[in-house]
Amino acid sequence: MFTTCKTDCPQLAASFASLQARLGSDSGRVRLMAISIDPAHDTPKAMKAFLAQFRAKEGWDFYTGSEVDLRRLRHEFMDRVPGEGPLMPITFLRSPRDLRWIRIAGHRSSSEFVKLCEKEGIL
């Protein structure tokens, strides 16, 4: 995700916001992480404003770092987390019970995220 994105990122962010709203009081059971792909522009202030625009609740964080660190992080996730791919965007979900990650490719609605979480035993 990146704050100046006008295509996929707002759609994914809207799905995340909808997922948090749909989960209601259970939203704390799911951690959402957005990882910047544009650290030159994604300052902490810009990322905070982006999350506020989508009314992100606690448990949805936006991370950035150096180009090298972000490239390494993306590589590790793609190599080590089983699941769909390589369509973009890529979403990674982590089970709070067993700390297992799953990878989901493409755009998904909040309903689809909930179904996948239930199927994988994350919710």
PDB file of N, CA and C in Angstrom:
ATOM      1  N   MET A   1       0.845  -1.167   0.000  1.00  0.00           N
ATOM      2  CA  MET A   1       0.000   0.000   0.000  1.00  0.00           C
ATOM      3  C   MET A   1       0.895   1.235   0.000  1.00  0.00           C
ATOM      4  N   PHE A   2       0.382   2.330  -0.534  1.00  0.00           N
ATOM      5  CA  PHE A   2       1.097   3.593  -0.399  1.00  0.00           C
ATOM      6  C   PHE A   2       0.085   4.735  -0.422  1.00  0.00           C
ATOM      7  N   THR A   3       0.436   5.801   0.261  1.00  0.00           N
ATOM      8  CA  THR A   3      -0.529   6.874   0.536  1.00  0.00           C
ATOM      9  C   THR A   3      -0.943   7.673  -0.678  1.00  0.00           C
ATOM     10  N   THR A   4      -0.117   7.712  -1.713  1.00  0.00           N
ATOM     11  CA  THR A   4      -0.466   8.492  -2.899  1.00  0.00           C
ATOM     12  C   THR A   4      -1.127   7.639  -3.987  1.00  0.00           C
ATOM     13  N   CYS A   5      -1.363   6.395  -3.713  1.00  0.00           N
ATOM     14  CA  CYS A   5      -1.990   5.464  -4.658  1.00  0.00           C
ATOM     15  C   CYS A   5      -3.437   5.886  -4.919  1.00  0.00           C
ATOM     16  N   LYS A   6      -3.839   5.810  -6.179  1.00  0.00           N
ATOM     17  CA  LYS A   6      -5.210   6.187  -6.562  1.00  0.00           C
ATOM     18  C   LYS A   6      -5.999   5.001  -7.126  1.00  0.00           C
ATOM     19  N   THR A   7      -5.396   3.810  -7.189  1.00  0.00           N
ATOM     20  CA  THR A   7      -6.074   2.669  -7.812  1.00  0.00           C
ATOM     21  C   THR A   7      -6.356   1.557  -6.801  1.00  0.00           C
ATOM     22  N   ASP A   8      -5.450   0.618  -6.648  1.00  0.00           N
ATOM     23  CA  ASP A   8      -5.679  -0.554  -5.797  1.00  0.00           C
ATOM     24  C   ASP A   8      -5.716  -0.250  -4.303  1.00  0.00           C
ATOM     25  N   CYS A   9      -4.877   0.648  -3.842  1.00  0.00           N
ATOM     26  CA  CYS A   9      -4.755   0.902  -2.404  1.00  0.00           C
ATOM     27  C   CYS A   9      -6.055   1.392  -1.766  1.00  0.00           C
ATOM     28  N   PRO A  10      -6.736   2.380  -2.349  1.00  0.00           N
ATOM     29  CA  PRO A  10      -8.007   2.800  -1.734  1.00  0.00           C
ATOM     30  C   PRO A  10      -9.045   1.674  -1.701  1.00  0.00           C
ATOM     31  N   GLN A  11      -9.048   0.820  -2.717  1.00  0.00           N
ATOM     32  CA  GLN A  11      -9.987  -0.307  -2.715  1.00  0.00           C
ATOM     33  C   GLN A  11      -9.657  -1.275  -1.598  1.00  0.00           C
ATOM     34  N   LEU A  12      -8.390  -1.591  -1.443  1.00  0.00           N
ATOM     35  CA  LEU A  12      -7.978  -2.503  -0.383  1.00  0.00           C
ATOM     36  C   LEU A  12      -8.232  -1.879   0.984  1.00  0.00           C
ATOM     37  N   ALA A  13      -7.914  -0.606   1.135  1.00  0.00           N
ATOM     38  CA  ALA A  13      -8.144   0.085   2.406  1.00  0.00           C
ATOM     39  C   ALA A  13      -9.639   0.101   2.744  1.00  0.00           C
ATOM     40  N   ALA A  14     -10.488   0.319   1.750  1.00  0.00           N
ATOM     41  CA  ALA A  14     -11.936   0.298   1.985  1.00  0.00           C
ATOM     42  C   ALA A  14     -12.378  -1.091   2.423  1.00  0.00           C
ATOM     43  N   SER A  15     -11.789  -2.139   1.862  1.00  0.00           N
ATOM     44  CA  SER A  15     -12.114  -3.507   2.285  1.00  0.00           C
ATOM     45  C   SER A  15     -11.667  -3.749   3.716  1.00  0.00           C
ATOM     46  N   PHE A  16     -10.489  -3.245   4.074  1.00  0.00           N
ATOM     47  CA  PHE A  16     -10.011  -3.378   5.450  1.00  0.00           C
ATOM     48  C   PHE A  16     -10.957  -2.653   6.413  1.00  0.00           C
ATOM     49  N   ALA A  17     -11.352  -1.434   6.053  1.00  0.00           N
ATOM     50  CA  ALA A  17     -12.255  -0.659   6.909  1.00  0.00           C
ATOM     51  C   ALA A  17     -13.587  -1.377   7.056  1.00  0.00           C
ATOM     52  N   SER A  18     -14.094  -1.905   5.972  1.00  0.00           N
ATOM     53  CA  SER A  18     -15.351  -2.646   6.000  1.00  0.00           C
ATOM     54  C   SER A  18     -15.216  -3.908   6.847  1.00  0.00           C
ATOM     55  N   LEU A  19     -14.079  -4.573   6.743  1.00  0.00           N
ATOM     56  CA  LEU A  19     -13.837  -5.762   7.557  1.00  0.00           C
ATOM     57  C   LEU A  19     -13.851  -5.405   9.036  1.00  0.00           C
ATOM     58  N   GLN A  20     -13.155  -4.331   9.416  1.00  0.00           N
ATOM     59  CA  GLN A  20     -13.165  -3.920  10.822  1.00  0.00           C
ATOM     60  C   GLN A  20     -14.576  -3.592  11.286  1.00  0.00           C
ATOM     61  N   ALA A  21     -15.333  -2.882  10.467  1.00  0.00           N
ATOM     62  CA  ALA A  21     -16.707  -2.526  10.836  1.00  0.00           C
ATOM     63  C   ALA A  21     -17.569  -3.771  10.956  1.00  0.00           C
ATOM     64  N   ARG A  22     -17.413  -4.681  10.037  1.00  0.00           N
ATOM     65  CA  ARG A  22     -18.213  -5.908  10.025  1.00  0.00           C
ATOM     66  C   ARG A  22     -17.920  -6.769  11.251  1.00  0.00           C
ATOM     67  N   LEU A  23     -16.662  -6.794  11.675  1.00  0.00           N
ATOM     68  CA  LEU A  23     -16.280  -7.597  12.832  1.00  0.00           C
ATOM     69  C   LEU A  23     -16.734  -6.967  14.145  1.00  0.00           C
ATOM     70  N   GLY A  24     -16.985  -5.658  14.125  1.00  0.00           N
ATOM     71  CA  GLY A  24     -17.470  -4.974  15.323  1.00  0.00           C
ATOM     72  C   GLY A  24     -16.553  -5.190  16.508  1.00  0.00           C
ATOM     73  N   SER A  25     -17.110  -5.669  17.618  1.00  0.00           N
ATOM     74  CA  SER A  25     -16.323  -5.861  18.841  1.00  0.00           C
ATOM     75  C   SER A  25     -15.280  -6.971  18.692  1.00  0.00           C
ATOM     76  N   ASP A  26     -15.415  -7.814  17.671  1.00  0.00           N
ATOM     77  CA  ASP A  26     -14.422  -8.856  17.415  1.00  0.00           C
ATOM     78  C   ASP A  26     -13.258  -8.359  16.560  1.00  0.00           C
ATOM     79  N   SER A  27     -13.268  -7.081  16.158  1.00  0.00           N
ATOM     80  CA  SER A  27     -12.214  -6.580  15.272  1.00  0.00           C
ATOM     81  C   SER A  27     -10.830  -6.688  15.901  1.00  0.00           C
ATOM     82  N   GLY A  28     -10.755  -6.702  17.225  1.00  0.00           N
ATOM     83  CA  GLY A  28      -9.483  -6.847  17.904  1.00  0.00           C
ATOM     84  C   GLY A  28      -8.860  -8.216  17.735  1.00  0.00           C
ATOM     85  N   ARG A  29      -9.640  -9.175  17.230  1.00  0.00           N
ATOM     86  CA  ARG A  29      -9.123 -10.524  17.009  1.00  0.00           C
ATOM     87  C   ARG A  29      -8.321 -10.621  15.716  1.00  0.00           C
ATOM     88  N   VAL A  30      -8.384  -9.572  14.885  1.00  0.00           N
ATOM     89  CA  VAL A  30      -7.677  -9.560  13.609  1.00  0.00           C
ATOM     90  C   VAL A  30      -6.757  -8.348  13.567  1.00  0.00           C
ATOM     91  N   ARG A  31      -5.487  -8.576  13.237  1.00  0.00           N
ATOM     92  CA  ARG A  31      -4.536  -7.474  13.075  1.00  0.00           C
ATOM     93  C   ARG A  31      -4.363  -7.219  11.593  1.00  0.00           C
ATOM     94  N   LEU A  32      -4.500  -5.970  11.200  1.00  0.00           N
ATOM     95  CA  LEU A  32      -4.302  -5.565   9.810  1.00  0.00           C
ATOM     96  C   LEU A  32      -3.021  -4.749   9.725  1.00  0.00           C
ATOM     97  N   MET A  33      -2.189  -5.090   8.772  1.00  0.00           N
ATOM     98  CA  MET A  33      -0.924  -4.396   8.574  1.00  0.00           C
ATOM     99  C   MET A  33      -0.843  -3.928   7.139  1.00  0.00           C
ATOM    100  N   ALA A  34      -0.625  -2.663   6.952  1.00  0.00           N
ATOM    101  CA  ALA A  34      -0.321  -2.129   5.627  1.00  0.00           C
ATOM    102  C   ALA A  34       1.174  -1.833   5.627  1.00  0.00           C
ATOM    103  N   ILE A  35       1.857  -2.294   4.595  1.00  0.00           N
ATOM    104  CA  ILE A  35       3.296  -2.077   4.501  1.00  0.00           C
ATOM    105  C   ILE A  35       3.552  -1.200   3.282  1.00  0.00           C
ATOM    106  N   SER A  36       4.160  -0.073   3.510  1.00  0.00           N
ATOM    107  CA  SER A  36       4.416   0.896   2.444  1.00  0.00           C
ATOM    108  C   SER A  36       5.309   0.313   1.358  1.00  0.00           C
ATOM    109  N   ILE A  37       4.994   0.675   0.123  1.00  0.00           N
ATOM    110  CA  ILE A  37       5.907   0.355  -0.981  1.00  0.00           C
ATOM    111  C   ILE A  37       6.512   1.642  -1.536  1.00  0.00           C
ATOM    112  N   ASP A  38       6.276   2.751  -0.835  1.00  0.00           N
ATOM    113  CA  ASP A  38       6.796   4.059  -1.262  1.00  0.00           C
ATOM    114  C   ASP A  38       7.297   4.842  -0.046  1.00  0.00           C
ATOM    115  N   PRO A  39       8.391   4.366   0.555  1.00  0.00           N
ATOM    116  CA  PRO A  39       8.859   5.014   1.781  1.00  0.00           C
ATOM    117  C   PRO A  39       9.313   6.457   1.593  1.00  0.00           C
ATOM    118  N   ALA A  40       9.629   6.862   0.374  1.00  0.00           N
ATOM    119  CA  ALA A  40      10.044   8.248   0.146  1.00  0.00           C
ATOM    120  C   ALA A  40       8.906   9.221   0.412  1.00  0.00           C
ATOM    121  N   HIS A  41       7.671   8.806   0.167  1.00  0.00           N
ATOM    122  CA  HIS A  41       6.513   9.677   0.365  1.00  0.00           C
ATOM    123  C   HIS A  41       5.664   9.307   1.578  1.00  0.00           C
ATOM    124  N   ASP A  42       5.758   8.073   2.021  1.00  0.00           N
ATOM    125  CA  ASP A  42       4.926   7.608   3.130  1.00  0.00           C
ATOM    126  C   ASP A  42       5.577   7.915   4.470  1.00  0.00           C
ATOM    127  N   THR A  43       5.441   9.155   4.853  1.00  0.00           N
ATOM    128  CA  THR A  43       5.936   9.588   6.156  1.00  0.00           C
ATOM    129  C   THR A  43       4.943   9.128   7.226  1.00  0.00           C
ATOM    130  N   PRO A  44       5.350   9.093   8.483  1.00  0.00           N
ATOM    131  CA  PRO A  44       4.392   8.747   9.535  1.00  0.00           C
ATOM    132  C   PRO A  44       3.144   9.635   9.499  1.00  0.00           C
ATOM    133  N   LYS A  45       3.316  10.925   9.226  1.00  0.00           N
ATOM    134  CA  LYS A  45       2.173  11.839   9.161  1.00  0.00           C
ATOM    135  C   LYS A  45       1.236  11.459   8.009  1.00  0.00           C
ATOM    136  N   ALA A  46       1.801  11.154   6.836  1.00  0.00           N
ATOM    137  CA  ALA A  46       0.986  10.773   5.670  1.00  0.00           C
ATOM    138  C   ALA A  46       0.254   9.452   5.925  1.00  0.00           C
ATOM    139  N   MET A  47       0.943   8.498   6.549  1.00  0.00           N
ATOM    140  CA  MET A  47       0.316   7.199   6.821  1.00  0.00           C
ATOM    141  C   MET A  47      -0.805   7.346   7.847  1.00  0.00           C
ATOM    142  N   LYS A  48      -0.587   8.179   8.857  1.00  0.00           N
ATOM    143  CA  LYS A  48      -1.630   8.415   9.859  1.00  0.00           C
ATOM    144  C   LYS A  48      -2.863   9.053   9.214  1.00  0.00           C
ATOM    145  N   ALA A  49      -2.654  10.010   8.313  1.00  0.00           N
ATOM    146  CA  ALA A  49      -3.759  10.658   7.612  1.00  0.00           C
ATOM    147  C   ALA A  49      -4.491   9.663   6.712  1.00  0.00           C
ATOM    148  N   PHE A  50      -3.748   8.784   6.054  1.00  0.00           N
ATOM    149  CA  PHE A  50      -4.349   7.762   5.194  1.00  0.00           C
ATOM    150  C   PHE A  50      -5.259   6.851   6.018  1.00  0.00           C
ATOM    151  N   LEU A  51      -4.756   6.384   7.151  1.00  0.00           N
ATOM    152  CA  LEU A  51      -5.572   5.516   8.014  1.00  0.00           C
ATOM    153  C   LEU A  51      -6.800   6.261   8.536  1.00  0.00           C
ATOM    154  N   ALA A  52      -6.647   7.522   8.871  1.00  0.00           N
ATOM    155  CA  ALA A  52      -7.783   8.316   9.364  1.00  0.00           C
ATOM    156  C   ALA A  52      -8.839   8.483   8.275  1.00  0.00           C
ATOM    157  N   GLN A  53      -8.400   8.641   7.040  1.00  0.00           N
ATOM    158  CA  GLN A  53      -9.321   8.787   5.917  1.00  0.00           C
ATOM    159  C   GLN A  53     -10.250   7.575   5.806  1.00  0.00           C
ATOM    160  N   PHE A  54      -9.742   6.400   6.180  1.00  0.00           N
ATOM    161  CA  PHE A  54     -10.536   5.176   6.099  1.00  0.00           C
ATOM    162  C   PHE A  54     -11.078   4.744   7.463  1.00  0.00           C
ATOM    163  N   ARG A  55     -10.978   5.650   8.436  1.00  0.00           N
ATOM    164  CA  ARG A  55     -11.496   5.406   9.785  1.00  0.00           C
ATOM    165  C   ARG A  55     -10.953   4.107  10.396  1.00  0.00           C
ATOM    166  N   ALA A  56      -9.660   3.903  10.218  1.00  0.00           N
ATOM    167  CA  ALA A  56      -9.009   2.703  10.744  1.00  0.00           C
ATOM    168  C   ALA A  56      -9.135   2.670  12.261  1.00  0.00           C
ATOM    169  N   LYS A  57      -9.457   1.504  12.764  1.00  0.00           N
ATOM    170  CA  LYS A  57      -9.560   1.303  14.209  1.00  0.00           C
ATOM    171  C   LYS A  57      -8.260   0.705  14.722  1.00  0.00           C
ATOM    172  N   GLU A  58      -8.168   0.624  16.038  1.00  0.00           N
ATOM    173  CA  GLU A  58      -7.010  -0.008  16.655  1.00  0.00           C
ATOM    174  C   GLU A  58      -6.856  -1.414  16.080  1.00  0.00           C
ATOM    175  N   GLY A  59      -5.625  -1.786  15.824  1.00  0.00           N
ATOM    176  CA  GLY A  59      -5.373  -3.094  15.244  1.00  0.00           C
ATOM    177  C   GLY A  59      -5.064  -3.038  13.759  1.00  0.00           C
ATOM    178  N   TRP A  60      -5.154  -1.833  13.165  1.00  0.00           N
ATOM    179  CA  TRP A  60      -4.780  -1.653  11.761  1.00  0.00           C
ATOM    180  C   TRP A  60      -3.631  -0.668  11.752  1.00  0.00           C
ATOM    181  N   ASP A  61      -2.445  -1.137  11.410  1.00  0.00           N
ATOM    182  CA  ASP A  61      -1.238  -0.326  11.430  1.00  0.00           C
ATOM    183  C   ASP A  61      -0.641  -0.217  10.036  1.00  0.00           C
ATOM    184  N   PHE A  62       0.123   0.844   9.834  1.00  0.00           N
ATOM    185  CA  PHE A  62       0.756   1.132   8.550  1.00  0.00           C
ATOM    186  C   PHE A  62       2.247   1.302   8.831  1.00  0.00           C
ATOM    187  N   TYR A  63       3.069   0.502   8.179  1.00  0.00           N
ATOM    188  CA  TYR A  63       4.501   0.485   8.446  1.00  0.00           C
ATOM    189  C   TYR A  63       5.295   0.946   7.227  1.00  0.00           C
ATOM    190  N   THR A  64       6.450   1.514   7.506  1.00  0.00           N
ATOM    191  CA  THR A  64       7.391   1.890   6.460  1.00  0.00           C
ATOM    192  C   THR A  64       8.803   1.628   6.970  1.00  0.00           C
ATOM    193  N   GLY A  65       9.770   1.861   6.127  1.00  0.00           N
ATOM    194  CA  GLY A  65      11.166   1.654   6.482  1.00  0.00           C
ATOM    195  C   GLY A  65      12.015   2.006   5.280  1.00  0.00           C
ATOM    196  N   SER A  66      13.253   1.570   5.304  1.00  0.00           N
ATOM    197  CA  SER A  66      14.135   1.842   4.160  1.00  0.00           C
ATOM    198  C   SER A  66      13.720   0.964   2.979  1.00  0.00           C
ATOM    199  N   GLU A  67      14.105   1.377   1.778  1.00  0.00           N
ATOM    200  CA  GLU A  67      13.821   0.584   0.573  1.00  0.00           C
ATOM    201  C   GLU A  67      14.355  -0.841   0.720  1.00  0.00           C
ATOM    202  N   VAL A  68      15.559  -0.957   1.253  1.00  0.00           N
ATOM    203  CA  VAL A  68      16.189  -2.272   1.414  1.00  0.00           C
ATOM    204  C   VAL A  68      15.384  -3.134   2.372  1.00  0.00           C
ATOM    205  N   ASP A  69      15.011  -2.572   3.515  1.00  0.00           N
ATOM    206  CA  ASP A  69      14.244  -3.335   4.503  1.00  0.00           C
ATOM    207  C   ASP A  69      12.883  -3.741   3.960  1.00  0.00           C
ATOM    208  N   LEU A  70      12.207  -2.838   3.256  1.00  0.00           N
ATOM    209  CA  LEU A  70      10.879  -3.150   2.709  1.00  0.00           C
ATOM    210  C   LEU A  70      10.968  -4.208   1.610  1.00  0.00           C
ATOM    211  N   ARG A  71      11.981  -4.132   0.787  1.00  0.00           N
ATOM    212  CA  ARG A  71      12.171  -5.147  -0.250  1.00  0.00           C
ATOM    213  C   ARG A  71      12.409  -6.515   0.385  1.00  0.00           C
ATOM    214  N   ARG A  72      13.238  -6.554   1.423  1.00  0.00           N
ATOM    215  CA  ARG A  72      13.527  -7.806   2.124  1.00  0.00           C
ATOM    216  C   ARG A  72      12.264  -8.355   2.795  1.00  0.00           C
ATOM    217  N   LEU A  73      11.485  -7.471   3.403  1.00  0.00           N
ATOM    218  CA  LEU A  73      10.239  -7.887   4.061  1.00  0.00           C
ATOM    219  C   LEU A  73       9.261  -8.479   3.049  1.00  0.00           C
ATOM    220  N   ARG A  74       9.064  -7.801   1.911  1.00  0.00           N
ATOM    221  CA  ARG A  74       8.160  -8.323   0.876  1.00  0.00           C
ATOM    222  C   ARG A  74       8.649  -9.676   0.372  1.00  0.00           C
ATOM    223  N   HIS A  75       9.949  -9.802   0.171  1.00  0.00           N
ATOM    224  CA  HIS A  75      10.531 -11.055  -0.298  1.00  0.00           C
ATOM    225  C   HIS A  75      10.275 -12.176   0.717  1.00  0.00           C
ATOM    226  N   GLU A  76      10.503 -11.896   1.977  1.00  0.00           N
ATOM    227  CA  GLU A  76      10.281 -12.904   3.025  1.00  0.00           C
ATOM    228  C   GLU A  76       8.823 -13.349   3.071  1.00  0.00           C
ATOM    229  N   PHE A  77       7.902 -12.402   3.020  1.00  0.00           N
ATOM    230  CA  PHE A  77       6.487 -12.757   3.045  1.00  0.00           C
ATOM    231  C   PHE A  77       6.115 -13.606   1.838  1.00  0.00           C
ATOM    232  N   MET A  78       6.560 -13.223   0.657  1.00  0.00           N
ATOM    233  CA  MET A  78       6.194 -13.965  -0.553  1.00  0.00           C
ATOM    234  C   MET A  78       6.814 -15.362  -0.557  1.00  0.00           C
ATOM    235  N   ASP A  79       8.019 -15.502  -0.037  1.00  0.00           N
ATOM    236  CA  ASP A  79       8.688 -16.803  -0.035  1.00  0.00           C
ATOM    237  C   ASP A  79       8.202 -17.724   1.079  1.00  0.00           C
ATOM    238  N   ARG A  80       7.843 -17.161   2.209  1.00  0.00           N
ATOM    239  CA  ARG A  80       7.585 -17.987   3.382  1.00  0.00           C
ATOM    240  C   ARG A  80       6.124 -18.183   3.751  1.00  0.00           C
ATOM    241  N   VAL A  81       5.247 -17.379   3.189  1.00  0.00           N
ATOM    242  CA  VAL A  81       3.831 -17.486   3.549  1.00  0.00           C
ATOM    243  C   VAL A  81       3.091 -18.202   2.421  1.00  0.00           C
ATOM    244  N   PRO A  82       2.492 -19.358   2.726  1.00  0.00           N
ATOM    245  CA  PRO A  82       1.774 -20.077   1.679  1.00  0.00           C
ATOM    246  C   PRO A  82       0.485 -19.368   1.294  1.00  0.00           C
ATOM    247  N   GLY A  83       0.046 -19.614   0.081  1.00  0.00           N
ATOM    248  CA  GLY A  83      -1.226 -19.045  -0.339  1.00  0.00           C
ATOM    249  C   GLY A  83      -1.215 -18.659  -1.798  1.00  0.00           C
ATOM    250  N   GLU A  84      -2.203 -17.870  -2.138  1.00  0.00           N
ATOM    251  CA  GLU A  84      -2.411 -17.459  -3.519  1.00  0.00           C
ATOM    252  C   GLU A  84      -1.362 -16.446  -3.956  1.00  0.00           C
ATOM    253  N   GLY A  85      -1.248 -16.278  -5.238  1.00  0.00           N
ATOM    254  CA  GLY A  85      -0.363 -15.263  -5.780  1.00  0.00           C
ATOM    255  C   GLY A  85      -0.087 -15.578  -7.224  1.00  0.00           C
ATOM    256  N   PRO A  86       0.586 -14.759  -7.947  1.00  0.00           N
ATOM    257  CA  PRO A  86       1.226 -13.504  -7.583  1.00  0.00           C
ATOM    258  C   PRO A  86       0.406 -12.266  -7.925  1.00  0.00           C
ATOM    259  N   LEU A  87      -0.907 -12.387  -8.061  1.00  0.00           N
ATOM    260  CA  LEU A  87      -1.726 -11.212  -8.354  1.00  0.00           C
ATOM    261  C   LEU A  87      -1.552 -10.138  -7.296  1.00  0.00           C
ATOM    262  N   MET A  88      -1.702  -8.910  -7.689  1.00  0.00           N
ATOM    263  CA  MET A  88      -1.619  -7.798  -6.749  1.00  0.00           C
ATOM    264  C   MET A  88      -3.001  -7.218  -6.564  1.00  0.00           C
ATOM    265  N   PRO A  89      -3.365  -6.692  -5.470  1.00  0.00           N
ATOM    266  CA  PRO A  89      -2.557  -6.609  -4.252  1.00  0.00           C
ATOM    267  C   PRO A  89      -2.500  -7.961  -3.539  1.00  0.00           C
ATOM    268  N   ILE A  90      -1.567  -8.070  -2.635  1.00  0.00           N
ATOM    269  CA  ILE A  90      -1.405  -9.265  -1.816  1.00  0.00           C
ATOM    270  C   ILE A  90      -1.771  -8.881  -0.385  1.00  0.00           C
ATOM    271  N   THR A  91      -2.578  -9.704   0.258  1.00  0.00           N
ATOM    272  CA  THR A  91      -2.954  -9.500   1.651  1.00  0.00           C
ATOM    273  C   THR A  91      -2.467 -10.705   2.446  1.00  0.00           C
ATOM    274  N   PHE A  92      -1.877 -10.443   3.594  1.00  0.00           N
ATOM    275  CA  PHE A  92      -1.425 -11.511   4.479  1.00  0.00           C
ATOM    276  C   PHE A  92      -2.258 -11.444   5.746  1.00  0.00           C
ATOM    277  N   LEU A  93      -2.778 -12.589   6.159  1.00  0.00           N
ATOM    278  CA  LEU A  93      -3.555 -12.678   7.394  1.00  0.00           C
ATOM    279  C   LEU A  93      -2.820 -13.592   8.359  1.00  0.00           C
ATOM    280  N   ARG A  94      -2.872 -13.242   9.641  1.00  0.00           N
ATOM    281  CA  ARG A  94      -2.177 -14.040  10.658  1.00  0.00           C
ATOM    282  C   ARG A  94      -3.153 -14.464  11.730  1.00  0.00           C
ATOM    283  N   SER A  95      -3.139 -15.742  12.035  1.00  0.00           N
ATOM    284  CA  SER A  95      -4.007 -16.287  13.064  1.00  0.00           C
ATOM    285  C   SER A  95      -3.500 -15.890  14.445  1.00  0.00           C
ATOM    286  N   PRO A  96      -4.370 -15.330  15.300  1.00  0.00           N
ATOM    287  CA  PRO A  96      -3.926 -14.984  16.652  1.00  0.00           C
ATOM    288  C   PRO A  96      -3.728 -16.221  17.525  1.00  0.00           C
ATOM    289  N   ARG A  97      -4.328 -17.341  17.131  1.00  0.00           N
ATOM    290  CA  ARG A  97      -4.206 -18.561  17.937  1.00  0.00           C
ATOM    291  C   ARG A  97      -2.875 -19.256  17.749  1.00  0.00           C
ATOM    292  N   ASP A  98      -2.531 -19.539  16.489  1.00  0.00           N
ATOM    293  CA  ASP A  98      -1.316 -20.310  16.245  1.00  0.00           C
ATOM    294  C   ASP A  98      -0.230 -19.507  15.523  1.00  0.00           C
ATOM    295  N   LEU A  99      -0.488 -18.204  15.298  1.00  0.00           N
ATOM    296  CA  LEU A  99       0.457 -17.275  14.681  1.00  0.00           C
ATOM    297  C   LEU A  99       0.821 -17.669  13.247  1.00  0.00           C
ATOM    298  N   ARG A 100      -0.013 -18.471  12.614  1.00  0.00           N
ATOM    299  CA  ARG A 100       0.191 -18.914  11.240  1.00  0.00           C
ATOM    300  C   ARG A 100      -0.267 -17.817  10.285  1.00  0.00           C
ATOM    301  N   TRP A 101       0.489 -17.603   9.213  1.00  0.00           N
ATOM    302  CA  TRP A 101       0.159 -16.618   8.188  1.00  0.00           C
ATOM    303  C   TRP A 101      -0.467 -17.310   6.988  1.00  0.00           C
ATOM    304  N   ILE A 102      -1.370 -16.618   6.275  1.00  0.00           N
ATOM    305  CA  ILE A 102      -1.852 -17.072   4.974  1.00  0.00           C
ATOM    306  C   ILE A 102      -1.776 -15.893   4.015  1.00  0.00           C
ATOM    307  N   ARG A 103      -1.622 -16.200   2.736  1.00  0.00           N
ATOM    308  CA  ARG A 103      -1.497 -15.171   1.710  1.00  0.00           C
ATOM    309  C   ARG A 103      -2.734 -15.207   0.808  1.00  0.00           C
ATOM    310  N   ILE A 104      -3.289 -14.025   0.529  1.00  0.00           N
ATOM    311  CA  ILE A 104      -4.479 -13.897  -0.317  1.00  0.00           C
ATOM    312  C   ILE A 104      -4.152 -12.901  -1.425  1.00  0.00           C
ATOM    313  N   ALA A 105      -4.421 -13.295  -2.655  1.00  0.00           N
ATOM    314  CA  ALA A 105      -4.098 -12.447  -3.800  1.00  0.00           C
ATOM    315  C   ALA A 105      -5.344 -11.779  -4.358  1.00  0.00           C
ATOM    316  N   GLY A 106      -5.172 -10.565  -4.848  1.00  0.00           N
ATOM    317  CA  GLY A 106      -6.249  -9.858  -5.525  1.00  0.00           C
ATOM    318  C   GLY A 106      -7.155  -9.092  -4.579  1.00  0.00           C
ATOM    319  N   HIS A 107      -8.122  -8.416  -5.179  1.00  0.00           N
ATOM    320  CA  HIS A 107      -9.087  -7.628  -4.409  1.00  0.00           C
ATOM    321  C   HIS A 107     -10.100  -8.550  -3.750  1.00  0.00           C
ATOM    322  N   ARG A 108     -10.426  -8.279  -2.517  1.00  0.00           N
ATOM    323  CA  ARG A 108     -11.421  -9.057  -1.790  1.00  0.00           C
ATOM    324  C   ARG A 108     -12.336  -8.112  -1.035  1.00  0.00           C
ATOM    325  N   SER A 109     -13.582  -8.482  -0.953  1.00  0.00           N
ATOM    326  CA  SER A 109     -14.541  -7.719  -0.148  1.00  0.00           C
ATOM    327  C   SER A 109     -14.389  -8.135   1.313  1.00  0.00           C
ATOM    328  N   SER A 110     -15.002  -7.377   2.205  1.00  0.00           N
ATOM    329  CA  SER A 110     -14.947  -7.750   3.617  1.00  0.00           C
ATOM    330  C   SER A 110     -15.592  -9.110   3.827  1.00  0.00           C
ATOM    331  N   SER A 111     -16.669  -9.410   3.095  1.00  0.00           N
ATOM    332  CA  SER A 111     -17.327 -10.720   3.210  1.00  0.00           C
ATOM    333  C   SER A 111     -16.368 -11.844   2.823  1.00  0.00           C
ATOM    334  N   GLU A 112     -15.607 -11.613   1.757  1.00  0.00           N
ATOM    335  CA  GLU A 112     -14.645 -12.629   1.334  1.00  0.00           C
ATOM    336  C   GLU A 112     -13.530 -12.791   2.362  1.00  0.00           C
ATOM    337  N   PHE A 113     -13.060 -11.672   2.947  1.00  0.00           N
ATOM    338  CA  PHE A 113     -12.052 -11.771   3.993  1.00  0.00           C
ATOM    339  C   PHE A 113     -12.583 -12.574   5.177  1.00  0.00           C
ATOM    340  N   VAL A 114     -13.814 -12.313   5.589  1.00  0.00           N
ATOM    341  CA  VAL A 114     -14.404 -13.033   6.720  1.00  0.00           C
ATOM    342  C   VAL A 114     -14.498 -14.525   6.393  1.00  0.00           C
ATOM    343  N   LYS A 115     -14.983 -14.861   5.207  1.00  0.00           N
ATOM    344  CA  LYS A 115     -15.098 -16.276   4.818  1.00  0.00           C
ATOM    345  C   LYS A 115     -13.741 -16.965   4.812  1.00  0.00           C
ATOM    346  N   LEU A 116     -12.726 -16.281   4.281  1.00  0.00           N
ATOM    347  CA  LEU A 116     -11.387 -16.868   4.257  1.00  0.00           C
ATOM    348  C   LEU A 116     -10.831 -17.037   5.674  1.00  0.00           C
ATOM    349  N   CYS A 117     -11.077 -16.061   6.532  1.00  0.00           N
ATOM    350  CA  CYS A 117     -10.625 -16.162   7.924  1.00  0.00           C
ATOM    351  C   CYS A 117     -11.310 -17.337   8.624  1.00  0.00           C
ATOM    352  N   GLU A 118     -12.597 -17.486   8.392  1.00  0.00           N
ATOM    353  CA  GLU A 118     -13.330 -18.607   8.992  1.00  0.00           C
ATOM    354  C   GLU A 118     -12.837 -19.931   8.444  1.00  0.00           C
ATOM    355  N   LYS A 119     -12.643 -19.992   7.133  1.00  0.00           N
ATOM    356  CA  LYS A 119     -12.157 -21.227   6.495  1.00  0.00           C
ATOM    357  C   LYS A 119     -10.790 -21.636   7.043  1.00  0.00           C
ATOM    358  N   GLU A 120      -9.921 -20.645   7.261  1.00  0.00           N
ATOM    359  CA  GLU A 120      -8.567 -20.916   7.747  1.00  0.00           C
ATOM    360  C   GLU A 120      -8.482 -21.020   9.261  1.00  0.00           C
ATOM    361  N   GLY A 121      -9.609 -20.837   9.952  1.00  0.00           N
ATOM    362  CA  GLY A 121      -9.617 -20.924  11.405  1.00  0.00           C
ATOM    363  C   GLY A 121      -9.013 -19.720  12.095  1.00  0.00           C
ATOM    364  N   ILE A 122      -8.957 -18.586  11.399  1.00  0.00           N
ATOM    365  CA  ILE A 122      -8.391 -17.374  11.989  1.00  0.00           C
ATOM    366  C   ILE A 122      -9.411 -16.667  12.866  1.00  0.00           C
ATOM    367  N   LEU A 123     -10.676 -16.747  12.511  1.00  0.00           N
ATOM    368  CA  LEU A 123     -11.741 -16.133  13.331  1.00  0.00           C
ATOM    369  C   LEU A 123     -12.428 -17.191  14.159  1.00  0.00           C
TER     370      LEU A 123
END
